[in-house]
Amino acid sequence: MSIVQCSLNQIPLGKRCKVTHLNSTGSIRTRLQDIGLVQGTELIPLVKSCAGDPVAYLIRGTVIAIRDKDSRSILVEHDEE
């Protein structure tokens, strides 16, 4: 089994992953950090909205919706099966 790194928007629903880096800047970076998205945080994509954007993620025991354009700037790693 190997570790794969990609952006959060590429993780399939139900797949556990871990934050490695935030590529965003400014207020959105601060907002993401405030909701707990820092290096090492585990999260799971749970469900997509009817239109496919945003996606609800389980982050530190809380379900939070993140827009696709913001999830593209969040780098994560996961186990390749």
C-alpha atoms as a PDB file:
ATOM      1  CA  MET A   1       0.000   0.000   0.000  1.00  0.00           C
ATOM      2  CA  SER A   2       1.359   3.445  -0.896  1.00  0.00           C
ATOM      3  CA  ILE A   3       0.514   7.017   0.095  1.00  0.00           C
ATOM      4  CA  VAL A   4      -0.953   9.275  -2.619  1.00  0.00           C
ATOM      5  CA  GLN A   5      -1.100  13.079  -2.470  1.00  0.00           C
ATOM      6  CA  CYS A   6      -3.768  15.082  -4.318  1.00  0.00           C
ATOM      7  CA  SER A   7      -6.193  17.950  -3.785  1.00  0.00           C
ATOM      8  CA  LEU A   8      -9.209  17.419  -1.539  1.00  0.00           C
ATOM      9  CA  ASN A   9     -11.705  17.711  -4.394  1.00  0.00           C
ATOM     10  CA  GLN A  10     -10.259  14.496  -5.908  1.00  0.00           C
ATOM     11  CA  ILE A  11     -11.017  12.307  -2.880  1.00  0.00           C
ATOM     12  CA  PRO A  12     -13.990   9.963  -3.366  1.00  0.00           C
ATOM     13  CA  LEU A  13     -16.882  10.030  -0.901  1.00  0.00           C
ATOM     14  CA  GLY A  14     -16.193   7.970   2.218  1.00  0.00           C
ATOM     15  CA  LYS A  15     -12.389   7.916   1.734  1.00  0.00           C
ATOM     16  CA  ARG A  16     -10.420   9.048   4.797  1.00  0.00           C
ATOM     17  CA  CYS A  17      -7.583  11.469   4.087  1.00  0.00           C
ATOM     18  CA  LYS A  18      -5.198  13.780   5.952  1.00  0.00           C
ATOM     19  CA  VAL A  19      -4.365  17.444   5.273  1.00  0.00           C
ATOM     20  CA  THR A  20      -0.748  18.023   4.219  1.00  0.00           C
ATOM     21  CA  HIS A  21      -0.793  21.645   3.010  1.00  0.00           C
ATOM     22  CA  LEU A  22      -3.061  24.633   2.284  1.00  0.00           C
ATOM     23  CA  ASN A  23      -2.303  26.467  -0.966  1.00  0.00           C
ATOM     24  CA  SER A  24      -4.867  29.191  -0.295  1.00  0.00           C
ATOM     25  CA  THR A  25      -4.036  32.681   0.953  1.00  0.00           C
ATOM     26  CA  GLY A  26      -5.729  35.553   2.730  1.00  0.00           C
ATOM     27  CA  SER A  27      -9.099  35.295   4.405  1.00  0.00           C
ATOM     28  CA  ILE A  28     -10.003  31.894   2.940  1.00  0.00           C
ATOM     29  CA  ARG A  29      -6.791  30.395   4.354  1.00  0.00           C
ATOM     30  CA  THR A  30      -7.655  31.832   7.775  1.00  0.00           C
ATOM     31  CA  ARG A  31     -11.216  30.522   7.505  1.00  0.00           C
ATOM     32  CA  LEU A  32     -10.007  27.013   6.614  1.00  0.00           C
ATOM     33  CA  GLN A  33      -7.553  27.022   9.515  1.00  0.00           C
ATOM     34  CA  ASP A  34     -10.289  28.256  11.863  1.00  0.00           C
ATOM     35  CA  ILE A  35     -12.465  25.237  11.036  1.00  0.00           C
ATOM     36  CA  GLY A  36      -9.545  22.947  11.852  1.00  0.00           C
ATOM     37  CA  LEU A  37      -7.934  22.349   8.486  1.00  0.00           C
ATOM     38  CA  VAL A  38      -4.293  22.316   9.485  1.00  0.00           C
ATOM     39  CA  GLN A  39      -1.513  19.877   8.667  1.00  0.00           C
ATOM     40  CA  GLY A  40      -2.343  16.420  10.005  1.00  0.00           C
ATOM     41  CA  THR A  41      -6.112  16.895  10.313  1.00  0.00           C
ATOM     42  CA  GLU A  42      -8.062  13.846   9.158  1.00  0.00           C
ATOM     43  CA  LEU A  43     -11.288  14.303   7.215  1.00  0.00           C
ATOM     44  CA  ILE A  44     -13.804  12.296   5.229  1.00  0.00           C
ATOM     45  CA  PRO A  45     -15.941  13.514   2.310  1.00  0.00           C
ATOM     46  CA  LEU A  46     -19.487  12.484   3.211  1.00  0.00           C
ATOM     47  CA  VAL A  47     -21.963  13.740   0.615  1.00  0.00           C
ATOM     48  CA  LYS A  48     -22.194  16.032  -2.405  1.00  0.00           C
ATOM     49  CA  SER A  49     -25.026  18.510  -2.790  1.00  0.00           C
ATOM     50  CA  CYS A  50     -27.546  17.861  -5.555  1.00  0.00           C
ATOM     51  CA  ALA A  51     -25.592  20.121  -7.908  1.00  0.00           C
ATOM     52  CA  GLY A  52     -22.286  18.486  -6.885  1.00  0.00           C
ATOM     53  CA  ASP A  53     -20.925  21.584  -5.153  1.00  0.00           C
ATOM     54  CA  PRO A  54     -20.349  22.044  -2.216  1.00  0.00           C
ATOM     55  CA  VAL A  55     -19.321  18.770  -0.585  1.00  0.00           C
ATOM     56  CA  ALA A  56     -19.928  18.022   3.106  1.00  0.00           C
ATOM     57  CA  TYR A  57     -16.858  16.798   5.008  1.00  0.00           C
ATOM     58  CA  LEU A  58     -16.487  15.297   8.470  1.00  0.00           C
ATOM     59  CA  ILE A  59     -13.761  17.391  10.122  1.00  0.00           C
ATOM     60  CA  ARG A  60     -12.895  16.917  13.799  1.00  0.00           C
ATOM     61  CA  GLY A  61     -16.359  15.536  14.573  1.00  0.00           C
ATOM     62  CA  THR A  62     -18.246  18.299  12.738  1.00  0.00           C
ATOM     63  CA  VAL A  63     -19.806  18.234   9.278  1.00  0.00           C
ATOM     64  CA  ILE A  64     -18.714  21.244   7.221  1.00  0.00           C
ATOM     65  CA  ALA A  65     -19.498  22.067   3.581  1.00  0.00           C
ATOM     66  CA  ILE A  66     -16.594  23.280   1.425  1.00  0.00           C
ATOM     67  CA  ARG A  67     -16.933  24.657  -2.094  1.00  0.00           C
ATOM     68  CA  ASP A  68     -15.077  22.916  -4.907  1.00  0.00           C
ATOM     69  CA  LYS A  69     -12.948  25.980  -5.696  1.00  0.00           C
ATOM     70  CA  ASP A  70     -11.731  26.044  -2.083  1.00  0.00           C
ATOM     71  CA  SER A  71     -11.179  22.283  -1.811  1.00  0.00           C
ATOM     72  CA  ARG A  72      -8.828  22.463  -4.819  1.00  0.00           C
ATOM     73  CA  SER A  73      -6.357  24.435  -2.687  1.00  0.00           C
ATOM     74  CA  ILE A  74      -6.274  21.844   0.122  1.00  0.00           C
ATOM     75  CA  LEU A  75      -3.626  19.176  -0.402  1.00  0.00           C
ATOM     76  CA  VAL A  76      -4.253  15.827   1.267  1.00  0.00           C
ATOM     77  CA  GLU A  77      -2.764  12.354   1.373  1.00  0.00           C
ATOM     78  CA  HIS A  78      -4.506   8.997   1.492  1.00  0.00           C
ATOM     79  CA  ASP A  79      -3.677   5.318   1.245  1.00  0.00           C
ATOM     80  CA  GLU A  80      -3.919   3.877  -2.242  1.00  0.00           C
ATOM     81  CA  GLU A  81      -5.802   0.592  -2.239  1.00  0.00           C
END
